[in-house]
Amino acid sequence: MILIQAIGKIENLKTLQESIISILNTKCLISSQFLDVPEHTYNPLRNQYNSTKMLLFLKSTIKEDSAHVLGITDVDLYAPGLNFVFGEAESPGKFAIVSLYRLKHPDKKIFRERMVKEAIHELGHTFGLAHCNNPSCVMYFSNSIIDTDKKSYMFCDTCLKKLKLTGNLN
């Protein structure tokens, strides 16, 4: 089971929920509570939020027995050594976060596709998958939004086999 947890005021996560259910063939719920964006994760020198600290915050806050927790936020995230990240996850593990900040697009369909791709990507890490060399696989590392737009929201055959071997995909 996957729990989607908003960090900050995030509206309309129903499309994401439906996509996760369809792609991963698993139960997915949206938490009824909003978590405030933790101020201690903010770096004023960068005007961004530290994704690792945000992930640790999520881990320390959510005590649900969900198999996996996907945090969704609207703030700009970075990881040490990188200008920005679309998300971060424990690999393997239970917790992942995705930022919508750099995924936004005037075309709502493109925005939704980007959100789904990055959510499935980060959840893939929680299932133990590493980055994939196949540029069309959802597990391909997105160095820019162009990479996200080019890749699919689906796992390639190799990643799919790995998921099935680990028992993380029905």
N, C-alpha and C. Protein backbone atom coordinates (compact mmCIF):
# COMPACT_ATOMS: atom_id res chain seq x y z
N MET A 1 0.84 -1.19 0.00
CA MET A 1 0.00 0.00 0.00
C MET A 1 0.88 1.25 0.00
N ILE A 2 0.39 2.28 -0.66
CA ILE A 2 1.12 3.54 -0.73
C ILE A 2 0.24 4.64 -0.15
N LEU A 3 0.84 5.47 0.69
CA LEU A 3 0.15 6.63 1.25
C LEU A 3 0.75 7.88 0.63
N ILE A 4 -0.08 8.71 0.02
CA ILE A 4 0.37 10.00 -0.51
C ILE A 4 0.16 11.03 0.59
N GLN A 5 1.24 11.73 0.95
CA GLN A 5 1.19 12.72 2.03
C GLN A 5 1.59 14.09 1.49
N ALA A 6 0.66 15.04 1.53
CA ALA A 6 0.97 16.41 1.11
C ALA A 6 1.84 17.09 2.17
N ILE A 7 2.88 17.77 1.71
CA ILE A 7 3.72 18.59 2.58
C ILE A 7 3.55 20.01 2.07
N GLY A 8 2.74 20.78 2.76
CA GLY A 8 2.31 22.09 2.27
C GLY A 8 0.94 21.94 1.65
N LYS A 9 0.42 23.03 1.13
CA LYS A 9 -0.92 23.02 0.54
C LYS A 9 -0.85 22.49 -0.90
N ILE A 10 -1.16 21.24 -1.06
CA ILE A 10 -1.17 20.61 -2.38
C ILE A 10 -2.60 20.19 -2.66
N GLU A 11 -3.12 20.65 -3.77
CA GLU A 11 -4.50 20.34 -4.14
C GLU A 11 -4.54 19.21 -5.17
N ASN A 12 -5.66 18.54 -5.22
CA ASN A 12 -5.99 17.61 -6.29
C ASN A 12 -4.91 16.54 -6.55
N LEU A 13 -4.75 15.65 -5.61
CA LEU A 13 -3.81 14.54 -5.78
C LEU A 13 -4.51 13.27 -6.28
N LYS A 14 -5.78 13.41 -6.61
CA LYS A 14 -6.59 12.26 -7.05
C LYS A 14 -6.03 11.63 -8.33
N THR A 15 -5.62 12.47 -9.29
CA THR A 15 -5.06 11.95 -10.55
C THR A 15 -3.81 11.13 -10.28
N LEU A 16 -2.96 11.63 -9.38
CA LEU A 16 -1.74 10.90 -9.02
C LEU A 16 -2.11 9.57 -8.37
N GLN A 17 -3.05 9.60 -7.46
CA GLN A 17 -3.50 8.38 -6.79
C GLN A 17 -3.98 7.34 -7.81
N GLU A 18 -4.82 7.77 -8.73
CA GLU A 18 -5.36 6.86 -9.75
C GLU A 18 -4.25 6.29 -10.63
N SER A 19 -3.27 7.12 -10.97
CA SER A 19 -2.15 6.66 -11.81
C SER A 19 -1.30 5.64 -11.07
N ILE A 20 -1.03 5.88 -9.80
CA ILE A 20 -0.23 4.93 -9.01
C ILE A 20 -0.95 3.58 -8.93
N ILE A 21 -2.25 3.62 -8.67
CA ILE A 21 -3.04 2.38 -8.59
C ILE A 21 -2.95 1.63 -9.92
N SER A 22 -3.10 2.34 -11.03
CA SER A 22 -3.09 1.73 -12.35
C SER A 22 -1.71 1.17 -12.72
N ILE A 23 -0.67 1.95 -12.51
CA ILE A 23 0.68 1.55 -12.94
C ILE A 23 1.27 0.47 -12.04
N LEU A 24 1.13 0.64 -10.73
CA LEU A 24 1.75 -0.29 -9.78
C LEU A 24 0.82 -1.40 -9.32
N ASN A 25 -0.44 -1.31 -9.70
CA ASN A 25 -1.43 -2.33 -9.32
C ASN A 25 -1.42 -2.56 -7.81
N THR A 26 -1.53 -1.47 -7.07
CA THR A 26 -1.51 -1.54 -5.61
C THR A 26 -2.52 -0.56 -5.03
N LYS A 27 -2.84 -0.75 -3.78
CA LYS A 27 -3.73 0.17 -3.08
C LYS A 27 -2.97 1.47 -2.80
N CYS A 28 -3.65 2.59 -2.95
CA CYS A 28 -3.03 3.90 -2.72
C CYS A 28 -4.05 4.82 -2.09
N LEU A 29 -3.68 5.43 -0.98
CA LEU A 29 -4.55 6.36 -0.27
C LEU A 29 -3.92 7.74 -0.21
N ILE A 30 -4.76 8.76 -0.10
CA ILE A 30 -4.29 10.13 0.10
C ILE A 30 -4.55 10.49 1.55
N SER A 31 -3.52 10.93 2.25
CA SER A 31 -3.68 11.33 3.65
C SER A 31 -4.64 12.51 3.74
N SER A 32 -5.48 12.49 4.75
CA SER A 32 -6.46 13.57 4.92
C SER A 32 -5.84 14.80 5.58
N GLN A 33 -4.63 14.66 6.08
CA GLN A 33 -3.98 15.81 6.74
C GLN A 33 -2.87 16.39 5.87
N PHE A 34 -2.68 17.70 5.99
CA PHE A 34 -1.56 18.38 5.35
C PHE A 34 -0.48 18.58 6.39
N LEU A 35 0.75 18.34 6.02
CA LEU A 35 1.87 18.66 6.89
C LEU A 35 2.41 20.02 6.46
N ASP A 36 2.79 20.84 7.42
CA ASP A 36 3.44 22.10 7.08
C ASP A 36 4.84 21.81 6.55
N VAL A 37 5.30 22.64 5.62
CA VAL A 37 6.67 22.52 5.13
C VAL A 37 7.60 22.83 6.29
N PRO A 38 8.49 21.91 6.64
CA PRO A 38 9.37 22.13 7.79
C PRO A 38 10.41 23.21 7.51
N GLU A 39 10.39 24.25 8.32
CA GLU A 39 11.29 25.40 8.11
C GLU A 39 12.77 25.03 8.25
N HIS A 40 13.07 24.03 9.08
CA HIS A 40 14.48 23.66 9.27
C HIS A 40 15.11 23.05 8.01
N THR A 41 14.29 22.74 7.01
CA THR A 41 14.82 22.19 5.77
C THR A 41 15.19 23.29 4.76
N TYR A 42 14.85 24.53 5.09
CA TYR A 42 15.08 25.65 4.18
C TYR A 42 16.51 26.16 4.29
N ASN A 43 17.14 26.40 3.13
CA ASN A 43 18.48 26.97 3.07
C ASN A 43 18.37 28.35 2.43
N PRO A 44 18.45 29.43 3.24
CA PRO A 44 18.27 30.78 2.68
C PRO A 44 19.35 31.18 1.68
N LEU A 45 20.53 30.60 1.76
CA LEU A 45 21.59 30.92 0.81
C LEU A 45 21.25 30.42 -0.60
N ARG A 46 20.48 29.35 -0.66
CA ARG A 46 20.09 28.78 -1.95
C ARG A 46 18.65 29.10 -2.33
N ASN A 47 17.88 29.57 -1.35
CA ASN A 47 16.44 29.78 -1.54
C ASN A 47 15.76 28.48 -1.98
N GLN A 48 16.20 27.38 -1.37
CA GLN A 48 15.68 26.05 -1.67
C GLN A 48 15.59 25.25 -0.37
N TYR A 49 14.94 24.10 -0.48
CA TYR A 49 14.77 23.20 0.66
C TYR A 49 15.60 21.94 0.46
N ASN A 50 16.26 21.49 1.52
CA ASN A 50 17.12 20.32 1.47
C ASN A 50 16.25 19.05 1.42
N SER A 51 16.36 18.31 0.33
CA SER A 51 15.50 17.14 0.13
C SER A 51 15.78 16.03 1.14
N THR A 52 17.04 15.86 1.53
CA THR A 52 17.37 14.82 2.50
C THR A 52 16.75 15.13 3.86
N LYS A 53 16.83 16.39 4.27
CA LYS A 53 16.19 16.79 5.54
C LYS A 53 14.67 16.65 5.46
N MET A 54 14.11 16.96 4.30
CA MET A 54 12.66 16.83 4.11
C MET A 54 12.25 15.36 4.20
N LEU A 55 13.06 14.48 3.62
CA LEU A 55 12.78 13.05 3.67
C LEU A 55 12.84 12.54 5.12
N LEU A 56 13.84 12.99 5.86
CA LEU A 56 13.96 12.61 7.28
C LEU A 56 12.79 13.14 8.10
N PHE A 57 12.33 14.35 7.78
CA PHE A 57 11.16 14.92 8.44
C PHE A 57 9.93 14.03 8.19
N LEU A 58 9.74 13.65 6.95
CA LEU A 58 8.61 12.80 6.60
C LEU A 58 8.68 11.48 7.36
N LYS A 59 9.86 10.91 7.41
CA LYS A 59 10.08 9.63 8.09
C LYS A 59 9.79 9.74 9.59
N SER A 60 10.15 10.86 10.19
CA SER A 60 9.94 11.03 11.63
C SER A 60 8.50 11.41 11.98
N THR A 61 7.75 11.87 11.00
CA THR A 61 6.39 12.37 11.24
C THR A 61 5.32 11.32 10.98
N ILE A 62 5.49 10.55 9.93
CA ILE A 62 4.46 9.58 9.52
C ILE A 62 4.72 8.25 10.22
N LYS A 63 3.76 7.84 11.00
CA LYS A 63 3.89 6.59 11.75
C LYS A 63 2.91 5.53 11.25
N GLU A 64 2.33 5.76 10.08
CA GLU A 64 1.37 4.81 9.50
C GLU A 64 2.09 3.49 9.20
N ASP A 65 1.31 2.45 9.10
CA ASP A 65 1.87 1.16 8.75
C ASP A 65 1.84 0.91 7.24
N SER A 66 1.76 1.98 6.47
CA SER A 66 1.75 1.85 5.02
C SER A 66 3.05 1.21 4.56
N ALA A 67 2.97 0.47 3.49
CA ALA A 67 4.18 -0.12 2.94
C ALA A 67 5.14 0.97 2.47
N HIS A 68 4.59 2.03 1.86
CA HIS A 68 5.40 3.12 1.34
C HIS A 68 4.67 4.45 1.53
N VAL A 69 5.45 5.51 1.77
CA VAL A 69 4.89 6.85 1.95
C VAL A 69 5.53 7.76 0.91
N LEU A 70 4.68 8.42 0.12
CA LEU A 70 5.14 9.35 -0.91
C LEU A 70 4.74 10.76 -0.51
N GLY A 71 5.72 11.57 -0.13
CA GLY A 71 5.47 12.96 0.20
C GLY A 71 5.47 13.79 -1.07
N ILE A 72 4.50 14.69 -1.18
CA ILE A 72 4.41 15.59 -2.33
C ILE A 72 4.46 17.02 -1.81
N THR A 73 5.39 17.80 -2.34
CA THR A 73 5.54 19.18 -1.91
C THR A 73 5.62 20.10 -3.12
N ASP A 74 5.47 21.38 -2.87
CA ASP A 74 5.46 22.38 -3.94
C ASP A 74 6.67 23.32 -3.83
N VAL A 75 7.63 22.96 -2.98
CA VAL A 75 8.80 23.82 -2.80
C VAL A 75 9.96 23.28 -3.62
N ASP A 76 10.92 24.14 -3.93
CA ASP A 76 12.09 23.78 -4.72
C ASP A 76 13.06 23.00 -3.85
N LEU A 77 13.42 21.79 -4.27
CA LEU A 77 14.30 20.92 -3.50
C LEU A 77 15.69 20.85 -4.12
N TYR A 78 16.67 20.65 -3.25
CA TYR A 78 18.04 20.38 -3.70
C TYR A 78 18.62 19.29 -2.82
N ALA A 79 19.63 18.64 -3.34
CA ALA A 79 20.43 17.70 -2.56
C ALA A 79 21.87 18.20 -2.62
N PRO A 80 22.63 18.00 -1.56
CA PRO A 80 24.02 18.45 -1.58
C PRO A 80 24.75 17.95 -2.84
N GLY A 81 25.42 18.87 -3.52
CA GLY A 81 26.14 18.54 -4.73
C GLY A 81 25.33 18.69 -6.01
N LEU A 82 24.04 18.95 -5.88
CA LEU A 82 23.18 19.11 -7.06
C LEU A 82 22.46 20.45 -7.00
N ASN A 83 22.23 21.05 -8.17
CA ASN A 83 21.52 22.33 -8.23
C ASN A 83 20.08 22.20 -7.77
N PHE A 84 19.45 21.09 -8.12
CA PHE A 84 18.06 20.83 -7.73
C PHE A 84 17.80 19.34 -7.90
N VAL A 85 16.72 18.87 -7.29
CA VAL A 85 16.24 17.51 -7.52
C VAL A 85 14.72 17.56 -7.67
N PHE A 86 14.21 16.64 -8.46
CA PHE A 86 12.75 16.50 -8.59
C PHE A 86 12.19 15.71 -7.41
N GLY A 87 13.06 14.92 -6.76
CA GLY A 87 12.63 14.12 -5.63
C GLY A 87 13.80 13.36 -5.04
N GLU A 88 13.49 12.62 -3.99
CA GLU A 88 14.50 11.79 -3.33
C GLU A 88 13.77 10.64 -2.65
N ALA A 89 14.48 9.52 -2.49
CA ALA A 89 13.86 8.35 -1.86
C ALA A 89 14.89 7.51 -1.12
N GLU A 90 14.40 6.76 -0.16
CA GLU A 90 15.21 5.71 0.45
C GLU A 90 15.26 4.56 -0.56
N SER A 91 16.43 3.97 -0.74
CA SER A 91 16.53 2.89 -1.72
C SER A 91 17.40 1.75 -1.20
N PRO A 92 16.79 0.62 -0.88
CA PRO A 92 15.35 0.41 -0.75
C PRO A 92 14.86 1.02 0.56
N GLY A 93 13.58 1.17 0.68
CA GLY A 93 13.02 1.76 1.89
C GLY A 93 11.54 1.97 1.78
N LYS A 94 11.07 2.90 2.59
CA LYS A 94 9.64 3.12 2.70
C LYS A 94 9.23 4.54 2.28
N PHE A 95 10.16 5.48 2.34
CA PHE A 95 9.81 6.89 2.17
C PHE A 95 10.42 7.51 0.92
N ALA A 96 9.61 8.36 0.28
CA ALA A 96 10.05 9.10 -0.91
C ALA A 96 9.35 10.45 -0.92
N ILE A 97 9.97 11.43 -1.56
CA ILE A 97 9.35 12.74 -1.75
C ILE A 97 9.51 13.17 -3.20
N VAL A 98 8.55 13.95 -3.66
CA VAL A 98 8.59 14.54 -5.00
C VAL A 98 8.20 16.00 -4.86
N SER A 99 8.96 16.86 -5.53
CA SER A 99 8.64 18.28 -5.59
C SER A 99 7.96 18.59 -6.92
N LEU A 100 6.87 19.32 -6.84
CA LEU A 100 6.15 19.73 -8.05
C LEU A 100 6.70 21.04 -8.62
N TYR A 101 7.59 21.68 -7.88
CA TYR A 101 8.07 23.02 -8.19
C TYR A 101 8.58 23.16 -9.62
N ARG A 102 9.44 22.26 -10.06
CA ARG A 102 10.04 22.35 -11.40
C ARG A 102 9.31 21.52 -12.44
N LEU A 103 8.22 20.89 -12.03
CA LEU A 103 7.44 20.05 -12.95
C LEU A 103 6.29 20.82 -13.59
N LYS A 104 6.01 22.01 -13.08
CA LYS A 104 4.84 22.78 -13.54
C LYS A 104 4.95 23.14 -15.02
N HIS A 105 3.78 23.19 -15.65
CA HIS A 105 3.69 23.53 -17.07
C HIS A 105 2.30 24.11 -17.30
N PRO A 106 2.16 25.08 -18.21
CA PRO A 106 0.83 25.65 -18.48
C PRO A 106 -0.19 24.61 -18.95
N ASP A 107 0.30 23.59 -19.66
CA ASP A 107 -0.57 22.50 -20.11
C ASP A 107 -0.72 21.50 -18.96
N LYS A 108 -1.92 21.40 -18.41
CA LYS A 108 -2.15 20.55 -17.24
C LYS A 108 -1.85 19.08 -17.51
N LYS A 109 -2.05 18.65 -18.75
CA LYS A 109 -1.76 17.26 -19.10
C LYS A 109 -0.27 16.97 -18.97
N ILE A 110 0.56 17.88 -19.45
CA ILE A 110 2.02 17.71 -19.35
C ILE A 110 2.44 17.74 -17.88
N PHE A 111 1.87 18.65 -17.11
CA PHE A 111 2.19 18.72 -15.67
C PHE A 111 1.84 17.40 -14.98
N ARG A 112 0.66 16.87 -15.25
CA ARG A 112 0.24 15.60 -14.62
C ARG A 112 1.17 14.46 -15.02
N GLU A 113 1.55 14.41 -16.30
CA GLU A 113 2.47 13.36 -16.76
C GLU A 113 3.81 13.45 -16.04
N ARG A 114 4.32 14.65 -15.89
CA ARG A 114 5.59 14.84 -15.18
C ARG A 114 5.48 14.39 -13.73
N MET A 115 4.38 14.76 -13.08
CA MET A 115 4.16 14.40 -11.68
C MET A 115 4.12 12.87 -11.52
N VAL A 116 3.40 12.21 -12.40
CA VAL A 116 3.28 10.76 -12.33
C VAL A 116 4.63 10.10 -12.57
N LYS A 117 5.36 10.55 -13.59
CA LYS A 117 6.67 9.97 -13.90
C LYS A 117 7.62 10.08 -12.71
N GLU A 118 7.69 11.25 -12.11
CA GLU A 118 8.62 11.43 -10.99
C GLU A 118 8.17 10.67 -9.74
N ALA A 119 6.86 10.57 -9.53
CA ALA A 119 6.35 9.80 -8.39
C ALA A 119 6.67 8.31 -8.57
N ILE A 120 6.42 7.77 -9.75
CA ILE A 120 6.72 6.35 -10.01
C ILE A 120 8.22 6.12 -9.91
N HIS A 121 9.02 7.05 -10.42
CA HIS A 121 10.48 6.96 -10.34
C HIS A 121 10.93 6.84 -8.88
N GLU A 122 10.47 7.75 -8.04
CA GLU A 122 10.90 7.74 -6.63
C GLU A 122 10.37 6.50 -5.91
N LEU A 123 9.15 6.09 -6.20
CA LEU A 123 8.64 4.85 -5.60
C LEU A 123 9.45 3.65 -6.07
N GLY A 124 9.91 3.69 -7.33
CA GLY A 124 10.79 2.63 -7.83
C GLY A 124 12.04 2.49 -6.98
N HIS A 125 12.60 3.62 -6.56
CA HIS A 125 13.76 3.57 -5.66
C HIS A 125 13.40 2.90 -4.34
N THR A 126 12.21 3.21 -3.79
CA THR A 126 11.83 2.58 -2.52
C THR A 126 11.70 1.06 -2.68
N PHE A 127 11.41 0.61 -3.89
CA PHE A 127 11.33 -0.82 -4.17
C PHE A 127 12.71 -1.43 -4.41
N GLY A 128 13.76 -0.61 -4.36
CA GLY A 128 15.12 -1.11 -4.51
C GLY A 128 15.72 -0.93 -5.89
N LEU A 129 15.01 -0.28 -6.80
CA LEU A 129 15.55 -0.07 -8.14
C LEU A 129 16.54 1.09 -8.16
N ALA A 130 17.62 0.91 -8.91
CA ALA A 130 18.59 1.98 -9.13
C ALA A 130 18.20 2.71 -10.42
N HIS A 131 18.98 3.73 -10.77
CA HIS A 131 18.73 4.40 -12.04
C HIS A 131 19.01 3.44 -13.19
N CYS A 132 18.27 3.61 -14.26
CA CYS A 132 18.35 2.74 -15.44
C CYS A 132 19.02 3.50 -16.59
N ASN A 133 19.73 2.77 -17.44
CA ASN A 133 20.39 3.39 -18.60
C ASN A 133 19.47 3.58 -19.79
N ASN A 134 18.27 3.01 -19.72
CA ASN A 134 17.31 3.11 -20.83
C ASN A 134 16.59 4.46 -20.73
N PRO A 135 16.82 5.38 -21.69
CA PRO A 135 16.25 6.73 -21.59
C PRO A 135 14.72 6.78 -21.63
N SER A 136 14.07 5.68 -22.02
CA SER A 136 12.61 5.69 -22.03
C SER A 136 12.01 5.06 -20.76
N CYS A 137 12.85 4.47 -19.93
CA CYS A 137 12.39 3.85 -18.68
C CYS A 137 12.13 4.92 -17.63
N VAL A 138 11.10 4.72 -16.84
CA VAL A 138 10.77 5.68 -15.78
C VAL A 138 11.90 5.81 -14.76
N MET A 139 12.78 4.81 -14.67
CA MET A 139 13.89 4.85 -13.71
C MET A 139 15.13 5.55 -14.27
N TYR A 140 15.05 6.07 -15.48
CA TYR A 140 16.15 6.85 -16.05
C TYR A 140 16.31 8.13 -15.24
N PHE A 141 17.56 8.50 -14.95
CA PHE A 141 17.83 9.71 -14.16
C PHE A 141 17.49 10.95 -14.97
N SER A 142 16.66 11.80 -14.41
CA SER A 142 16.29 13.06 -15.08
C SER A 142 17.23 14.16 -14.61
N ASN A 143 18.15 14.52 -15.48
CA ASN A 143 19.08 15.60 -15.19
C ASN A 143 18.43 16.95 -15.49
N SER A 144 17.35 16.92 -16.27
CA SER A 144 16.61 18.13 -16.61
C SER A 144 15.16 17.74 -16.89
N ILE A 145 14.31 18.72 -17.03
CA ILE A 145 12.90 18.46 -17.31
C ILE A 145 12.74 17.81 -18.69
N ILE A 146 13.70 18.04 -19.58
CA ILE A 146 13.66 17.42 -20.91
C ILE A 146 13.74 15.90 -20.77
N ASP A 147 14.61 15.42 -19.87
CA ASP A 147 14.71 13.97 -19.63
C ASP A 147 13.39 13.41 -19.11
N THR A 148 12.75 14.15 -18.21
CA THR A 148 11.46 13.71 -17.67
C THR A 148 10.42 13.64 -18.78
N ASP A 149 10.39 14.65 -19.63
CA ASP A 149 9.41 14.67 -20.71
C ASP A 149 9.62 13.54 -21.72
N LYS A 150 10.88 13.15 -21.94
CA LYS A 150 11.19 12.11 -22.93
C LYS A 150 10.89 10.70 -22.42
N LYS A 151 11.07 10.47 -21.13
CA LYS A 151 10.90 9.11 -20.63
C LYS A 151 9.43 8.75 -20.44
N SER A 152 9.19 7.47 -20.32
CA SER A 152 7.84 6.94 -20.10
C SER A 152 7.52 6.95 -18.60
N TYR A 153 6.29 6.70 -18.28
CA TYR A 153 5.90 6.53 -16.88
C TYR A 153 5.94 5.05 -16.50
N MET A 154 6.40 4.21 -17.42
CA MET A 154 6.44 2.76 -17.21
C MET A 154 7.88 2.29 -17.01
N PHE A 155 8.02 1.14 -16.37
CA PHE A 155 9.32 0.50 -16.19
C PHE A 155 9.68 -0.25 -17.47
N CYS A 156 10.96 -0.25 -17.82
CA CYS A 156 11.42 -1.05 -18.96
C CYS A 156 11.35 -2.53 -18.56
N ASP A 157 11.57 -3.42 -19.52
CA ASP A 157 11.49 -4.86 -19.24
C ASP A 157 12.48 -5.30 -18.17
N THR A 158 13.69 -4.74 -18.20
CA THR A 158 14.72 -5.11 -17.23
C THR A 158 14.30 -4.71 -15.82
N CYS A 159 13.84 -3.48 -15.65
CA CYS A 159 13.42 -3.01 -14.33
C CYS A 159 12.16 -3.74 -13.86
N LEU A 160 11.28 -4.05 -14.80
CA LEU A 160 10.06 -4.79 -14.47
C LEU A 160 10.41 -6.18 -13.93
N LYS A 161 11.38 -6.84 -14.56
CA LYS A 161 11.83 -8.16 -14.09
C LYS A 161 12.41 -8.06 -12.69
N LYS A 162 13.21 -7.02 -12.44
CA LYS A 162 13.78 -6.83 -11.10
C LYS A 162 12.69 -6.63 -10.06
N LEU A 163 11.68 -5.84 -10.41
CA LEU A 163 10.57 -5.60 -9.48
C LEU A 163 9.82 -6.89 -9.17
N LYS A 164 9.58 -7.68 -10.19
CA LYS A 164 8.85 -8.94 -9.98
C LYS A 164 9.67 -9.92 -9.16
N LEU A 165 10.98 -9.95 -9.37
CA LEU A 165 11.85 -10.84 -8.60
C LEU A 165 11.87 -10.48 -7.12
N THR A 166 11.78 -9.20 -6.82
CA THR A 166 11.80 -8.77 -5.42
C THR A 166 10.42 -8.85 -4.78
N GLY A 167 9.41 -9.14 -5.58
CA GLY A 167 8.05 -9.23 -5.05
C GLY A 167 7.39 -7.89 -4.80
N ASN A 168 7.95 -6.82 -5.39
CA ASN A 168 7.41 -5.48 -5.17
C ASN A 168 6.40 -5.05 -6.22
N LEU A 169 6.06 -5.94 -7.13
CA LEU A 169 5.07 -5.60 -8.15
C LEU A 169 4.20 -6.81 -8.39
N ASN A 170 2.91 -6.59 -8.41
CA ASN A 170 1.96 -7.70 -8.62
C ASN A 170 1.92 -8.08 -10.09
